[in-house]
Structures are given as structure tokens and as C-alpha cells.
Amino acid sequence: MKLSAKKNELIKAIRCMTFPKSKLLIEATDSAVKLSSSDDTVVIKSQVDADVHQSGKCCVSTPIILEILSKLRGDVVELGVKENKICIKGHGKQSIVVATLDVDSFPFQLNEPDSWYFTISTEVMKRAFKKTSHSITVEKVANALKGLRIKADGSTVTFTGCDTKQFAMYSTEIPSEEHFEAIIPKEHLKLVENILIEKEISFTVSNNFGVFATENHILYTRLIDEKYPPAQALLDKSLKCQVQVDTSELIKSIELAEITANKESKGVKAVKIKTVDGGIEVVARNELGNTTDFISAETNGEEITNVYDSSYLIHALKAADMSSVKLGFVDKNAPLIINGESGSFVVGAVLTREVS
């Protein structure tokens, strides 16, 4: 194999394909070099224009090849393979030789899907991840909850994250009628975010892989093959009190209360929220001292007092991304429902002694 290509184009493509223990399959054919990066659970593909002098293929460590390219001088680099070694040349007499890996050790050879479930703006996909990923964890939860659920029901696709203590959901319209459900592992969401550098992204499911494609990259992630629990039912609960409140003011109040919040087990910072006529009270107390605040707001319903983890409240309020949000109080020691732009969030109550 022997080829030359623009260094920055290779770096741009490979940077989005680099993750721990990933292997890069380089295939030189015709006037392009095909790139595939993978471990045992995910595959990312791309292609870069190149002057191919001799076709062939090799396998190398993705992080190592990216580091080499980033440190070479010149606009164009040459790659050549001989006797299980790859030589990469930069400007002038600059070159580096490293051992290649066994091509047969590359985990997957996957074909591009024939059709896609939907294509949306990458900005919408970024927004969906931003609003939901904070509520996903991989520790002490059922396997189904260790990822982001993407579900289409007609012309609406919904993104859902839940860790039993908090819940986040974001919905957007898609241009076709689709019905499917897939769970993307949390650890692969960052890899998807890395390829969101074009205008649009497409998605489909093929052979138990979730497949994301932009103009220059295709990412295959092995799905979590589990049944997602009916977490969305949390949004159907009847409310005893509703409050419309300024989001920024509420976040600042909770952040202040965190200073004197009592730390419960597992790092929970307990902050009391109480609905009263004309607003809500935010209270926190620990051995350091106490914090009390009142925020004017539109309230409708009974007086409700609950304790919540301040971190979960702040995550949800920031993810709502609105100047004001509607808080829905279900009951004593019951979850808080927060409704924002195209998204809904639920924060579970902390069962603790009263924060006075």
C-alpha cells in the first residue's frame, strides 16, 4: 500500500474516530483511502480523497496514528506499508515508522444500510443529547437504563434517559412515519457527538446495530438488547400543584442553598422546595448553617413540601433551556415534573428527615 493525502483532511476524519483501544483499518483503493475505526462494540467509517500509488490495506492503532499525523510537518503526508510496518512521511526528510497490527484482528466488516429511518439536523441531535444524557448512568441500574432510548411513533421521535432517580425526555418531528425503538449505550453517545460536525445526520437500525451517518462519517454502535421500562408513565400522574417560575432565579436559589445543604447518603444534597401562595420557598440546613429563599411565582393548587437532590434539580432546569418553566408537584414524597421546550423532566423526591 502506498498513497499520499492532505494531512488536515486525514486528521479531521480520524479525530472523530479515535477512542481508547480502537484499531484503524486503512484501505487504499482507486482515488480514495477508506478508514474504519473499531473496538468490539462500535465501528466508525470515513473516507478521504487520496493519490493512491499502490492499493492495499493495513491496520494500526487509531490513537497512535492520530498523534503521529498531528505532529508531522507539511500539508501532505505519504503512507506506505512494507513488511508489517507503516512509514508515514511529512515535510522534507521527516518520517516515522511503526509496526502494523494484524488486519484479521479488525473486529467488524459492516455494510452501509440501504435505507434510513430518519434524517434530522445535527443541531437537533445535539439538543436531544444535551437534554437527556445527564439522566443516564451505568451504575446500579438495569441494563436497559444504561443507554439512551430512541423511539419513533409515527412522525415523532423521542429521546429518553432515566436512572430511576431522574428522567429526561425530548421529542422532535421527523419527515416520515416510522415505528421503532433502540437503546444506544451511554459510553457511545460521546462518539456520536464527535461526528455531529455536518449539517444533517441520519439514523437506522441494522443487525442489532444503531447506525448514525453524516456526510463524512458512518457510526455503528451495538445496541442494548433489553426492554426499556415504562418510565414515561411518570408524566401521566395527576398534579396537586403547578408553579410557573423563572428558571434562572430558581437555579441561582438552589445553587445558593447547596452551600448549606445537608449531605445525605450517596452524596445527595438535600434541598427543600415548598409551594406557598404567590411563590415557592427554597430551604437548606446543615451543620454549617442554613439558607432560606423565596421566589415569586404563579402557583395553582395545594401547598406541597418535598426534598430533592439539588444536583438533579439543576441538571433538569438547565436542560429545560427556557426562561421560565412549569413545575408539577404530584404529592408529598413524590416526583417533581419539569416541563420545558419540547422536553419533560422528572426528579425523584428524597425520602429523608424534614429539612427545617
Protein backbone atom coordinates (compact mmCIF):
# COMPACT_ATOMS: atom_id res chain seq x y z
CA MET A 1 0.00 0.00 0.00
CA LYS A 2 1.28 3.44 -0.92
CA LEU A 3 -0.60 6.74 -1.02
CA SER A 4 -0.45 10.46 -0.34
CA ALA A 5 -3.22 12.64 1.12
CA LYS A 6 -3.84 16.02 2.69
CA LYS A 7 -2.80 15.81 6.32
CA ASN A 8 -5.55 18.01 7.73
CA GLU A 9 -8.27 16.01 5.96
CA LEU A 10 -6.92 12.80 7.48
CA ILE A 11 -6.74 14.41 10.93
CA LYS A 12 -10.31 15.75 10.65
CA ALA A 13 -11.64 12.32 9.72
CA ILE A 14 -9.60 10.29 12.23
CA ARG A 15 -10.11 12.65 15.18
CA CYS A 16 -13.83 11.77 15.17
CA MET A 17 -12.93 8.06 15.06
CA THR A 18 -10.45 7.91 17.94
CA PHE A 19 -11.32 6.28 21.24
CA PRO A 20 -9.46 4.02 23.73
CA LYS A 21 -8.24 0.68 22.32
CA SER A 22 -9.59 1.47 18.86
CA LYS A 23 -7.95 -0.04 15.77
CA LEU A 24 -7.88 1.77 12.41
CA LEU A 25 -8.28 -0.18 9.18
CA ILE A 26 -6.78 1.79 6.27
CA GLU A 27 -7.83 0.65 2.78
CA ALA A 28 -6.34 2.34 -0.29
CA THR A 29 -8.46 1.88 -3.42
CA ASP A 30 -8.75 3.93 -6.62
CA SER A 31 -8.61 7.64 -5.68
CA ALA A 32 -9.55 7.43 -2.01
CA VAL A 33 -8.49 5.97 1.29
CA LYS A 34 -11.23 4.28 3.30
CA LEU A 35 -10.94 4.45 7.09
CA SER A 36 -12.67 2.20 9.64
CA SER A 37 -12.07 2.51 13.39
CA SER A 38 -13.40 -0.07 15.85
CA ASP A 39 -13.20 -1.99 19.09
CA ASP A 40 -15.54 -4.86 19.95
CA THR A 41 -18.68 -2.72 20.29
CA VAL A 42 -18.58 0.22 17.87
CA VAL A 43 -17.42 0.96 14.31
CA ILE A 44 -16.85 4.38 12.71
CA LYS A 45 -16.18 4.73 8.98
CA SER A 46 -14.99 7.61 6.84
CA GLN A 47 -13.27 8.30 3.53
CA VAL A 48 -10.66 10.82 2.38
CA ASP A 49 -9.52 11.70 -1.14
CA ALA A 50 -6.01 10.47 -1.86
CA ASP A 51 -3.48 9.84 -4.60
CA VAL A 52 -3.20 6.06 -4.47
CA HIS A 53 0.02 4.75 -5.98
CA GLN A 54 -0.45 1.18 -4.81
CA SER A 55 -3.68 -0.30 -3.46
CA GLY A 56 -3.72 -2.32 -0.26
CA LYS A 57 -4.73 -2.20 3.36
CA CYS A 58 -3.28 -2.24 6.86
CA CYS A 59 -4.39 -1.99 10.48
CA VAL A 60 -2.87 0.32 13.10
CA SER A 61 -3.73 1.84 16.49
CA THR A 62 -6.13 4.76 15.92
CA PRO A 63 -4.81 6.94 18.80
CA ILE A 64 -1.20 6.42 17.67
CA ILE A 65 -1.86 7.30 14.01
CA LEU A 66 -3.75 10.45 15.08
CA GLU A 67 -0.88 11.53 17.33
CA ILE A 68 1.63 10.96 14.52
CA LEU A 69 -0.35 12.97 11.99
CA SER A 70 -0.87 15.81 14.48
CA LYS A 71 2.88 16.19 14.97
CA LEU A 72 4.12 15.88 11.39
CA ARG A 73 5.03 19.00 9.40
CA GLY A 74 3.66 19.80 5.97
CA ASP A 75 0.29 19.87 4.22
CA VAL A 76 0.59 16.47 2.55
CA VAL A 77 1.67 13.16 4.07
CA GLU A 78 2.73 9.91 2.45
CA LEU A 79 1.78 6.49 3.81
CA GLY A 80 3.49 3.31 2.76
CA VAL A 81 3.32 -0.24 4.09
CA LYS A 82 6.10 -2.81 3.84
CA GLU A 83 6.89 -5.92 5.89
CA ASN A 84 4.27 -5.33 8.60
CA LYS A 85 5.35 -1.74 9.15
CA ILE A 86 3.84 1.56 8.07
CA CYS A 87 6.04 4.51 7.15
CA ILE A 88 4.48 7.96 7.37
CA LYS A 89 6.37 10.86 5.80
CA GLY A 90 5.82 14.54 6.42
CA HIS A 91 7.59 17.61 5.01
CA GLY A 92 11.19 17.21 3.86
CA LYS A 93 13.00 14.27 5.37
CA GLN A 94 10.61 13.87 8.30
CA SER A 95 9.30 10.30 8.67
CA ILE A 96 8.22 7.79 11.29
CA VAL A 97 7.90 4.00 11.08
CA VAL A 98 5.65 1.96 13.38
CA ALA A 99 4.50 -1.65 13.44
CA THR A 100 1.13 -2.52 11.96
CA LEU A 101 -1.48 -4.80 13.51
CA ASP A 102 -2.93 -7.97 12.04
CA VAL A 103 -5.61 -6.97 9.53
CA ASP A 104 -7.62 -10.04 10.50
CA SER A 105 -7.79 -8.69 14.08
CA PHE A 106 -10.07 -5.86 12.95
CA PRO A 107 -13.38 -6.67 14.70
CA PHE A 108 -16.09 -5.93 12.15
CA GLN A 109 -16.79 -5.60 8.45
CA LEU A 110 -20.21 -3.92 8.15
CA ASN A 111 -22.07 -2.77 5.07
CA GLU A 112 -23.80 0.59 4.76
CA PRO A 113 -27.60 0.33 5.22
CA ASP A 114 -29.84 0.62 2.15
CA SER A 115 -32.30 2.98 3.85
CA TRP A 116 -32.62 5.22 6.91
CA TYR A 117 -35.37 5.69 9.49
CA PHE A 118 -34.93 9.45 9.58
CA THR A 119 -32.64 12.36 8.78
CA ILE A 120 -32.58 15.44 11.02
CA SER A 121 -30.41 18.47 11.63
CA THR A 122 -27.27 17.75 13.66
CA GLU A 123 -28.25 20.71 15.85
CA VAL A 124 -31.46 18.89 16.78
CA MET A 125 -29.49 15.74 17.61
CA LYS A 126 -27.10 17.77 19.77
CA ARG A 127 -30.07 19.29 21.57
CA ALA A 128 -31.59 15.85 22.17
CA PHE A 129 -28.36 14.58 23.74
CA LYS A 130 -27.91 17.72 25.83
CA LYS A 131 -31.41 17.46 27.26
CA THR A 132 -31.28 13.75 28.13
CA SER A 133 -27.75 12.41 28.67
CA HIS A 134 -27.44 13.84 32.20
CA SER A 135 -30.11 11.40 33.39
CA ILE A 136 -28.30 8.25 32.21
CA THR A 137 -25.93 6.25 34.38
CA VAL A 138 -24.29 2.84 34.08
CA GLU A 139 -24.03 2.14 37.81
CA LYS A 140 -26.57 0.12 39.81
CA VAL A 141 -29.36 0.29 37.23
CA ALA A 142 -30.97 -2.28 34.96
CA ASN A 143 -29.15 -2.85 31.67
CA ALA A 144 -31.95 -1.18 29.70
CA LEU A 145 -31.33 2.08 31.57
CA LYS A 146 -27.61 2.17 30.72
CA GLY A 147 -28.30 3.94 27.46
CA LEU A 148 -30.37 6.49 25.57
CA ARG A 149 -33.64 5.20 24.16
CA ILE A 150 -34.60 6.46 20.71
CA LYS A 151 -38.20 5.66 19.86
CA ALA A 152 -40.31 6.69 16.87
CA ASP A 153 -44.07 6.59 16.91
CA GLY A 154 -45.39 7.96 13.66
CA SER A 155 -43.83 11.28 12.72
CA THR A 156 -42.37 11.94 16.18
CA VAL A 157 -39.08 10.61 17.51
CA THR A 158 -38.47 10.69 21.26
CA PHE A 159 -35.15 10.53 23.12
CA THR A 160 -35.33 9.24 26.71
CA GLY A 161 -32.88 8.87 29.59
CA CYS A 162 -33.66 7.55 33.07
CA ASP A 163 -31.67 6.28 36.06
CA THR A 164 -34.65 5.65 38.42
CA LYS A 165 -33.94 8.91 40.29
CA GLN A 166 -34.32 11.28 37.37
CA PHE A 167 -35.94 11.14 33.96
CA ALA A 168 -35.49 13.24 30.82
CA MET A 169 -37.38 13.16 27.54
CA TYR A 170 -37.05 15.20 24.36
CA SER A 171 -39.25 14.91 21.26
CA THR A 172 -38.94 16.24 17.73
CA GLU A 173 -40.73 15.79 14.44
CA ILE A 174 -39.30 13.64 11.64
CA PRO A 175 -40.28 13.83 7.94
CA SER A 176 -41.63 10.26 7.68
CA GLU A 177 -43.86 7.81 9.52
CA GLU A 178 -41.68 5.36 11.45
CA HIS A 179 -42.13 2.86 14.28
CA PHE A 180 -39.02 1.56 16.02
CA GLU A 181 -37.19 1.52 19.36
CA ALA A 182 -33.43 1.33 20.04
CA ILE A 183 -31.20 1.83 23.10
CA ILE A 184 -27.78 3.40 22.45
CA PRO A 185 -25.13 2.67 25.15
CA LYS A 186 -24.20 5.76 27.18
CA GLU A 187 -20.49 5.27 26.53
CA HIS A 188 -21.08 5.66 22.78
CA LEU A 189 -23.06 8.91 22.93
CA LYS A 190 -19.85 10.96 23.02
CA LEU A 191 -18.65 9.19 19.86
CA VAL A 192 -21.90 10.14 18.13
CA GLU A 193 -21.46 13.73 19.31
CA ASN A 194 -17.97 13.76 17.79
CA ILE A 195 -19.36 13.25 14.28
CA LEU A 196 -22.03 15.95 14.60
CA ILE A 197 -19.94 18.39 12.59
CA GLU A 198 -22.00 18.34 9.37
CA LYS A 199 -25.47 19.80 8.71
CA GLU A 200 -27.53 16.60 8.92
CA ILE A 201 -27.41 13.16 10.48
CA SER A 202 -29.34 10.02 9.53
CA PHE A 203 -30.25 7.07 11.74
CA THR A 204 -31.39 3.49 11.28
CA VAL A 205 -31.10 0.06 12.90
CA SER A 206 -29.33 -2.82 11.16
CA ASN A 207 -28.37 -6.25 12.56
CA ASN A 208 -28.67 -5.06 16.19
CA PHE A 209 -26.52 -2.02 15.47
CA GLY A 210 -27.72 1.56 15.70
CA VAL A 211 -26.29 3.33 12.66
CA PHE A 212 -25.64 7.10 12.51
CA ALA A 213 -24.43 8.73 9.28
CA THR A 214 -23.28 12.20 8.32
CA GLU A 215 -21.80 13.36 5.04
CA ASN A 216 -18.32 12.13 6.01
CA HIS A 217 -18.80 9.51 8.76
CA ILE A 218 -20.85 6.41 9.49
CA LEU A 219 -21.00 5.12 13.07
CA TYR A 220 -22.28 1.66 14.05
CA THR A 221 -22.97 1.09 17.75
CA ARG A 222 -24.06 -2.24 19.17
CA LEU A 223 -27.48 -1.75 20.75
CA ILE A 224 -28.54 -2.69 24.28
CA ASP A 225 -30.86 -5.62 23.61
CA GLU A 226 -33.27 -5.09 26.52
CA LYS A 227 -36.86 -3.93 27.03
CA TYR A 228 -36.98 -0.30 28.17
CA PRO A 229 -39.21 0.17 31.24
CA PRO A 230 -42.36 2.34 31.00
CA ALA A 231 -40.64 5.36 32.56
CA GLN A 232 -42.73 7.79 30.51
CA ALA A 233 -45.73 6.86 32.68
CA LEU A 234 -44.26 9.23 35.30
CA LEU A 235 -45.51 12.14 33.16
CA ASP A 236 -49.12 10.91 33.30
CA LYS A 237 -49.51 11.41 37.06
CA SER A 238 -52.12 13.92 38.22
CA LEU A 239 -50.75 17.10 39.81
CA LYS A 240 -51.77 18.68 43.11
CA CYS A 241 -49.91 21.92 42.44
CA GLN A 242 -48.41 23.66 39.41
CA VAL A 243 -45.91 26.52 39.52
CA GLN A 244 -44.66 28.76 36.68
CA VAL A 245 -41.29 30.14 37.77
CA ASP A 246 -38.29 32.00 36.35
CA THR A 247 -35.69 29.34 35.55
CA SER A 248 -32.58 31.43 36.19
CA GLU A 249 -33.86 32.66 39.55
CA LEU A 250 -34.67 29.14 40.67
CA ILE A 251 -31.27 27.77 39.62
CA LYS A 252 -29.45 30.58 41.47
CA SER A 253 -31.55 29.94 44.57
CA ILE A 254 -30.81 26.19 44.55
CA GLU A 255 -27.09 26.82 43.95
CA LEU A 256 -27.06 29.13 46.98
CA ALA A 257 -28.90 26.54 49.06
CA GLU A 258 -26.32 23.89 48.10
CA ILE A 259 -23.79 25.67 50.34
CA THR A 260 -25.76 24.67 53.44
CA ALA A 261 -27.45 21.56 52.01
CA ASN A 262 -27.42 18.52 54.24
CA LYS A 263 -25.45 15.72 52.58
CA GLU A 264 -27.44 12.53 52.75
CA SER A 265 -26.15 9.09 51.82
CA LYS A 266 -24.58 8.58 48.35
CA GLY A 267 -23.70 12.27 48.01
CA VAL A 268 -27.26 13.59 47.88
CA LYS A 269 -27.50 17.31 48.68
CA ALA A 270 -30.95 17.74 50.24
CA VAL A 271 -32.82 20.94 49.40
CA LYS A 272 -36.43 21.55 50.45
CA ILE A 273 -38.89 23.06 47.98
CA LYS A 274 -42.22 24.30 49.35
CA THR A 275 -45.08 25.75 47.34
CA VAL A 276 -46.88 28.67 49.00
CA ASP A 277 -49.31 31.32 47.86
CA GLY A 278 -47.54 33.54 45.34
CA GLY A 279 -44.31 31.59 45.04
CA ILE A 280 -42.02 28.87 46.34
CA GLU A 281 -39.62 28.61 49.26
CA VAL A 282 -36.16 27.07 48.96
CA VAL A 283 -34.61 25.88 52.24
CA ALA A 284 -31.43 24.00 53.18
CA ARG A 285 -29.74 23.35 56.52
CA ASN A 286 -26.61 21.54 57.72
CA GLU A 287 -24.01 21.84 60.47
CA LEU A 288 -22.50 24.87 58.68
CA GLY A 289 -25.70 26.91 58.77
CA ASN A 290 -28.95 27.39 56.89
CA THR A 291 -30.29 29.01 53.73
CA THR A 292 -33.81 30.31 53.11
CA ASP A 293 -35.17 31.99 50.00
CA PHE A 294 -38.49 32.98 48.48
CA ILE A 295 -39.09 33.24 44.73
CA SER A 296 -42.22 34.91 43.40
CA ALA A 297 -44.09 32.63 41.00
CA GLU A 298 -47.52 31.76 39.66
CA THR A 299 -48.89 28.94 41.80
CA ASN A 300 -52.03 26.91 41.30
CA GLY A 301 -53.04 24.18 43.75
CA GLU A 302 -52.25 22.84 47.20
CA GLU A 303 -49.24 23.61 49.36
CA ILE A 304 -46.68 20.84 48.85
CA THR A 305 -43.34 20.37 50.64
CA ASN A 306 -40.70 17.98 49.29
CA VAL A 307 -36.97 17.42 49.48
CA TYR A 308 -34.94 16.91 46.29
CA ASP A 309 -31.31 16.34 45.33
CA SER A 310 -30.07 19.79 44.28
CA SER A 311 -27.80 18.36 41.56
CA TYR A 312 -30.69 16.63 39.82
CA LEU A 313 -32.82 19.77 40.03
CA ILE A 314 -30.11 21.93 38.48
CA HIS A 315 -29.42 19.40 35.69
CA ALA A 316 -33.09 19.27 34.76
CA LEU A 317 -33.64 23.03 34.91
CA LYS A 318 -30.61 23.72 32.71
CA ALA A 319 -31.63 21.02 30.26
CA ALA A 320 -35.12 22.57 30.00
CA ASP A 321 -33.38 25.60 28.49
CA MET A 322 -36.26 28.07 28.90
CA SER A 323 -36.57 31.46 30.56
CA SER A 324 -39.38 30.06 32.71
CA VAL A 325 -40.50 26.50 33.44
CA LYS A 326 -43.64 24.84 34.74
CA LEU A 327 -43.12 22.71 37.86
CA GLY A 328 -45.65 19.98 38.56
CA PHE A 329 -45.90 18.67 42.14
CA VAL A 330 -47.58 15.27 42.33
CA ASP A 331 -47.78 14.81 46.10
CA LYS A 332 -45.76 14.54 49.30
CA ASN A 333 -42.59 12.43 48.77
CA ALA A 334 -43.46 12.18 45.07
CA PRO A 335 -41.50 13.13 41.94
CA LEU A 336 -41.33 16.68 40.60
CA ILE A 337 -42.22 17.11 36.92
CA ILE A 338 -40.50 19.91 34.99
CA ASN A 339 -41.76 20.86 31.54
CA GLY A 340 -39.54 22.75 29.11
CA GLU A 341 -39.27 23.38 25.37
CA SER A 342 -40.04 20.07 23.59
CA GLY A 343 -38.85 18.24 26.68
CA SER A 344 -40.03 16.92 30.02
CA PHE A 345 -38.01 16.05 33.10
CA VAL A 346 -38.73 14.23 36.34
CA VAL A 347 -36.75 14.43 39.59
CA GLY A 348 -37.48 11.93 42.33
CA ALA A 349 -38.10 13.13 45.88
CA VAL A 350 -35.52 12.33 48.57
CA LEU A 351 -37.05 10.36 51.43
CA THR A 352 -35.32 12.00 54.37
CA ARG A 353 -35.91 13.71 57.62
CA GLU A 354 -37.52 17.13 57.26
CA VAL A 355 -35.17 19.95 56.28
CA SER A 356 -36.30 22.73 58.58
